[in-house]
Structure formats: C-alpha cells, structure tokens
Amino acid sequence: MRLLSGSAKVAPSSVHHPLFARCYARLSVSAETRMGMAGVRERLLAGLSGRVIEIGAGNGLNFGHYPDTVAEVVAIEPEPRLRKLALESALRTEVPVDVVPGAAEALPVKSEAFDAAVLSLVLCSVRDVPRALAEVRRVLRPGGQVRFFEHGQGGGTAMRLTQHTLDRTLWPALAGGCHLSRRPVAALREAGFTLGPQRQVMMPERGPALPSSYCVLGVAWRPDEPDAR
C-alpha cells in the first residue's frame, strides 16, 4: 500500500542514467558471488521485522534476502530502467515488495510509517545527503532503525586524494552520480541518528583496493522522542 506524504516533490524522471543502469545491472549480479555481495546483503537485512522502506533499491537484489518476519517492503527507486528490473525482482520474492518511483530527498510516504529503513549503496549518489537523511528520519517511527551498507572515503593520503579528484572530474558522470569520498557514518551522526555497531568491509575482500572499495556495514536508530523537525 502506497502512503503519500506532504513532502516536497522531486520528479522521479529527474534521475535518468540509462547507460549506467545497464552496466550496474550486469555488474551487480556478477558481484553477488564474485565479490561476496550476497553474504553482505544477508548480514545487512538479518533480523528485520515489520514495515521496511528501502531507499535506492536499484535492480532489487536485496529483495530475496529479507527475512519472513518483514511484513512489507516499500522500495524507492528513481531510475526508470533499474525500477523496471526491481519490479521484476519483486514478483519473485515471498516478502511483499511495493516498488515506488521517488527521490531520497522527498520520499512519497507518510511520516513515522516504518519500523526500519535500508540504505544500500545509495548515499554516494543522492544529490543532497542531509536532506535525504532528514527524510529517512521523518518516515521512521521513534526508535526505528536504519540498516546501512555504504562506501565512502578511505585508505591513505594517496587514495583519498584520488577519490576527491575523481569526484571533482569524471566519476559522477560515469557512475550515475556516485561520489567516492563521502562519509556516510559522519552524515548519519550529523543527521541526528544514534549509531550502533558497525564494521569496515573491503569490496572486493581480496585483491587491490579500488577507490570504491572502502565500505561500512552497520546499524543506527532514530531517537525515541517524537521528531520535532
């Protein structure tokens, strides 16, 4: 069931990366086994229950890993080709999944409607990270949790310089708006979430480190008090 909100609207068609979407769809499927992403998805989603919103669902590879304790997933995906693939993936899952067009900065759902939110390789590409996280906080019930798996700034001085240089030049245009040097954990803290356990993950786990290799897997919570924003 789609729950419309009064949030400021951002046109779903404003995100359109057809070439990147085709490449991502192929590479992400092979990464499930070759890079161990399937195991990461299992750890990311283990133990969730109730109503869940997944922001930036991509081609829906998380859907098959949701436990049967989840009553419903509302999956937001703005890119048309990826959303079509996510719809196809939703038809093959046992947990009910509703794939919805929308932008992270203006989620088309009611406030305090979800028990948990899932952020999986999405904060790197949203246009306005603070606004997107304010929306996550808005749609979570007090005490609701955020499960996150994100990549960002990491490595030594040379690697961080490489990340910043790529972000200022060709990388976002080639990679669907992705940025390599963002700091997702710091962004969650600054947005008012309470941080829980987290662990650093290298993707791939073996082989040379890439600018996109520095990942973090963890959990955060919206504070228990009603949101005064």
Protein backbone atom coordinates (compact mmCIF):
# COMPACT_ATOMS: atom_id res chain seq x y z
CA MET A 1 0.00 0.00 0.00
CA ARG A 2 1.46 3.35 -1.03
CA LEU A 3 1.28 6.06 1.61
CA LEU A 4 1.60 9.54 0.12
CA SER A 5 3.23 12.25 2.19
CA GLY A 6 3.21 16.01 2.19
CA SER A 7 6.95 16.12 1.49
CA ALA A 8 8.24 18.48 -1.19
CA LYS A 9 8.16 16.67 -4.51
CA VAL A 10 11.12 15.80 -6.68
CA ALA A 11 10.22 14.44 -10.12
CA PRO A 12 11.17 10.75 -10.38
CA SER A 13 12.24 11.35 -14.01
CA SER A 14 14.91 13.78 -12.80
CA VAL A 15 17.15 10.74 -12.25
CA HIS A 16 17.88 9.11 -15.59
CA HIS A 17 21.12 7.23 -16.19
CA PRO A 18 20.31 4.60 -18.86
CA LEU A 19 23.90 3.62 -19.72
CA PHE A 20 24.96 3.37 -16.08
CA ALA A 21 21.78 1.42 -15.26
CA ARG A 22 22.59 -1.20 -17.90
CA CYS A 23 26.17 -1.57 -16.66
CA TYR A 24 25.15 -1.64 -13.00
CA ALA A 25 22.51 -4.30 -13.61
CA ARG A 26 25.11 -6.63 -15.14
CA LEU A 27 27.94 -5.94 -12.72
CA SER A 28 25.80 -6.13 -9.59
CA VAL A 29 24.51 -9.60 -10.48
CA SER A 30 28.03 -10.96 -11.00
CA ALA A 31 29.17 -9.29 -7.74
CA GLU A 32 26.70 -11.41 -5.77
CA THR A 33 29.07 -14.37 -5.88
CA ARG A 34 32.33 -12.97 -7.28
CA MET A 35 32.61 -10.21 -4.65
CA GLY A 36 30.55 -11.78 -1.88
CA MET A 37 27.71 -9.25 -2.05
CA ALA A 38 25.05 -11.90 -1.39
CA GLY A 39 26.58 -12.53 2.03
CA VAL A 40 26.72 -8.82 2.76
CA ARG A 41 23.04 -8.48 1.91
CA GLU A 42 22.21 -11.34 4.29
CA ARG A 43 24.04 -9.61 7.14
CA LEU A 44 22.55 -6.23 6.26
CA LEU A 45 18.95 -7.43 6.47
CA ALA A 46 19.10 -10.19 9.11
CA GLY A 47 16.59 -9.80 11.94
CA LEU A 48 14.46 -7.08 10.38
CA SER A 49 10.72 -7.12 11.04
CA GLY A 50 7.60 -5.05 10.47
CA ARG A 51 7.34 -2.43 7.71
CA VAL A 52 10.57 -1.53 5.94
CA ILE A 53 11.43 1.22 3.47
CA GLU A 54 14.38 0.60 1.16
CA ILE A 55 15.77 3.75 -0.40
CA GLY A 56 17.56 3.42 -3.72
CA ALA A 57 16.56 -0.20 -4.35
CA GLY A 58 18.42 -0.42 -7.67
CA ASN A 59 17.55 -3.62 -9.50
CA GLY A 60 16.11 -5.26 -6.40
CA LEU A 61 18.90 -7.64 -5.40
CA ASN A 62 18.14 -7.11 -1.70
CA PHE A 63 14.57 -8.33 -2.03
CA GLY A 64 15.32 -12.05 -1.86
CA HIS A 65 17.29 -11.60 1.38
CA TYR A 66 14.55 -10.06 3.52
CA PRO A 67 13.52 -12.41 6.37
CA ASP A 68 9.92 -13.60 6.56
CA THR A 69 9.45 -11.50 9.72
CA VAL A 70 9.20 -8.44 7.44
CA ALA A 71 5.55 -7.65 6.76
CA GLU A 72 6.10 -5.30 3.80
CA VAL A 73 8.89 -3.54 1.93
CA VAL A 74 8.31 -0.22 0.17
CA ALA A 75 11.23 0.12 -2.25
CA ILE A 76 12.01 3.58 -3.65
CA GLU A 77 13.91 3.73 -6.95
CA PRO A 78 14.07 6.83 -9.15
CA GLU A 79 15.97 5.45 -12.18
CA PRO A 80 13.42 4.04 -14.70
CA ARG A 81 15.42 1.09 -16.03
CA LEU A 82 16.54 -0.05 -12.59
CA ARG A 83 13.00 0.39 -11.27
CA LYS A 84 11.68 -1.90 -14.03
CA LEU A 85 14.21 -4.56 -13.02
CA ALA A 86 13.26 -4.09 -9.37
CA LEU A 87 9.60 -4.63 -10.23
CA GLU A 88 10.52 -7.90 -11.92
CA SER A 89 12.57 -8.93 -8.89
CA ALA A 90 9.67 -8.08 -6.53
CA LEU A 91 7.47 -10.59 -8.34
CA ARG A 92 9.88 -13.40 -7.42
CA THR A 93 10.04 -12.72 -3.67
CA GLU A 94 8.00 -14.14 -0.82
CA VAL A 95 8.01 -10.94 1.25
CA PRO A 96 5.56 -8.36 -0.19
CA VAL A 97 7.51 -5.63 -2.00
CA ASP A 98 5.97 -2.46 -3.45
CA VAL A 99 8.35 -0.72 -5.86
CA VAL A 100 7.66 3.03 -5.98
CA PRO A 101 9.20 5.87 -8.02
CA GLY A 102 10.59 8.67 -5.92
CA ALA A 103 13.69 10.52 -4.77
CA ALA A 104 15.51 10.08 -1.46
CA GLU A 105 15.21 13.81 -0.78
CA ALA A 106 11.38 13.71 -0.97
CA LEU A 107 10.10 10.26 -0.02
CA PRO A 108 6.49 9.72 -1.18
CA VAL A 109 5.33 8.15 2.09
CA LYS A 110 3.80 9.30 5.36
CA SER A 111 5.79 10.30 8.41
CA GLU A 112 6.62 7.70 11.08
CA ALA A 113 5.20 4.90 8.89
CA PHE A 114 8.12 2.43 9.04
CA ASP A 115 9.91 0.28 11.58
CA ALA A 116 13.18 0.25 9.64
CA ALA A 117 14.94 1.86 6.69
CA VAL A 118 17.55 0.24 4.47
CA LEU A 119 20.32 2.25 2.81
CA SER A 120 22.41 0.08 0.49
CA LEU A 121 25.00 1.84 -1.70
CA VAL A 122 22.74 4.88 -2.09
CA LEU A 123 24.19 7.77 -0.06
CA CYS A 124 27.07 8.00 -2.52
CA SER A 125 24.71 9.11 -5.29
CA VAL A 126 21.92 11.16 -3.71
CA ARG A 127 22.09 14.84 -4.61
CA ASP A 128 21.57 16.17 -1.08
CA VAL A 129 22.71 13.82 1.69
CA PRO A 130 21.45 15.88 4.69
CA ARG A 131 18.03 16.31 3.10
CA ALA A 132 17.83 12.60 2.24
CA LEU A 133 18.70 11.58 5.80
CA ALA A 134 16.20 14.09 7.20
CA GLU A 135 13.60 12.28 5.10
CA VAL A 136 14.72 8.91 6.47
CA ARG A 137 14.33 10.26 9.98
CA ARG A 138 10.89 11.65 9.13
CA VAL A 139 9.47 8.37 7.82
CA LEU A 140 10.83 6.19 10.64
CA ARG A 141 8.84 5.71 13.82
CA PRO A 142 10.59 6.89 17.01
CA GLY A 143 13.16 4.23 17.86
CA GLY A 144 13.11 2.85 14.31
CA GLN A 145 16.37 1.56 12.92
CA VAL A 146 18.50 2.21 9.86
CA ARG A 147 20.45 -0.64 8.32
CA PHE A 148 23.22 0.69 6.10
CA PHE A 149 25.87 -0.63 3.75
CA GLU A 150 27.70 2.26 2.09
CA HIS A 151 31.05 3.01 0.51
CA GLY A 152 32.99 6.20 1.03
CA GLN A 153 36.23 7.88 1.98
CA GLY A 154 39.02 5.53 2.95
CA GLY A 155 42.60 4.45 2.56
CA GLY A 156 45.74 6.52 2.91
CA THR A 157 46.55 10.01 1.71
CA ALA A 158 47.11 8.99 -1.91
CA MET A 159 43.85 7.05 -2.11
CA ARG A 160 41.83 9.88 -0.55
CA LEU A 161 43.36 12.35 -2.98
CA THR A 162 42.40 10.01 -5.82
CA GLN A 163 38.84 9.78 -4.53
CA HIS A 164 38.47 13.56 -4.25
CA THR A 165 39.99 14.11 -7.70
CA LEU A 166 37.65 11.59 -9.32
CA ASP A 167 34.67 13.17 -7.55
CA ARG A 168 35.57 16.58 -8.98
CA THR A 169 36.05 15.29 -12.50
CA LEU A 170 34.66 12.32 -14.42
CA TRP A 171 33.46 9.78 -11.85
CA PRO A 172 29.95 11.10 -11.04
CA ALA A 173 29.13 11.44 -14.74
CA LEU A 174 30.31 7.90 -15.49
CA ALA A 175 28.82 6.25 -12.41
CA GLY A 176 25.28 7.57 -12.22
CA GLY A 177 26.01 10.42 -9.82
CA CYS A 178 28.16 8.32 -7.47
CA HIS A 179 30.75 10.05 -5.25
CA LEU A 180 33.72 8.22 -3.79
CA SER A 181 34.77 10.47 -0.90
CA ARG A 182 31.57 10.92 1.08
CA ARG A 183 31.50 9.98 4.77
CA PRO A 184 28.25 8.06 5.40
CA VAL A 185 28.75 7.36 9.11
CA ALA A 186 29.51 11.01 9.84
CA ALA A 187 26.47 12.02 7.78
CA LEU A 188 24.20 9.74 9.82
CA ARG A 189 25.57 11.16 13.06
CA GLU A 190 25.10 14.74 11.86
CA ALA A 191 21.51 13.90 10.86
CA GLY A 192 20.70 13.03 14.47
CA PHE A 193 20.79 9.23 14.36
CA THR A 194 22.19 7.17 17.20
CA LEU A 195 24.93 4.95 15.81
CA GLY A 196 25.16 1.28 16.74
CA PRO A 197 27.58 -1.50 15.80
CA GLN A 198 29.40 -1.10 12.50
CA ARG A 199 32.21 -2.83 10.70
CA GLN A 200 34.54 -1.89 7.87
CA VAL A 201 34.23 -4.05 4.76
CA MET A 202 36.53 -4.07 1.73
CA MET A 203 34.86 -4.80 -1.62
CA PRO A 204 36.30 -6.90 -3.07
CA GLU A 205 37.72 -8.52 0.04
CA ARG A 206 40.80 -9.74 -1.84
CA GLY A 207 42.88 -8.08 -4.48
CA PRO A 208 43.93 -4.47 -4.98
CA ALA A 209 41.96 -1.74 -3.21
CA LEU A 210 39.88 0.41 -5.55
CA PRO A 211 38.60 3.94 -4.84
CA SER A 212 35.15 2.39 -4.28
CA SER A 213 36.38 -0.45 -2.03
CA TYR A 214 36.04 1.22 1.38
CA CYS A 215 32.65 0.21 2.75
CA VAL A 216 30.91 0.18 6.11
CA LEU A 217 28.12 -2.13 7.28
CA GLY A 218 26.15 -1.09 10.33
CA VAL A 219 23.02 -0.02 12.14
CA ALA A 220 21.70 3.27 13.52
CA TRP A 221 18.49 4.33 15.26
CA ARG A 222 16.19 7.28 15.18
CA PRO A 223 15.98 8.66 18.73
CA ASP A 224 12.91 7.57 20.73
CA GLU A 225 11.46 11.06 21.11
CA PRO A 226 8.94 12.39 18.56
CA ASP A 227 10.64 14.27 15.72
CA ALA A 228 10.31 17.99 16.29
CA ARG A 229 11.58 18.92 12.83
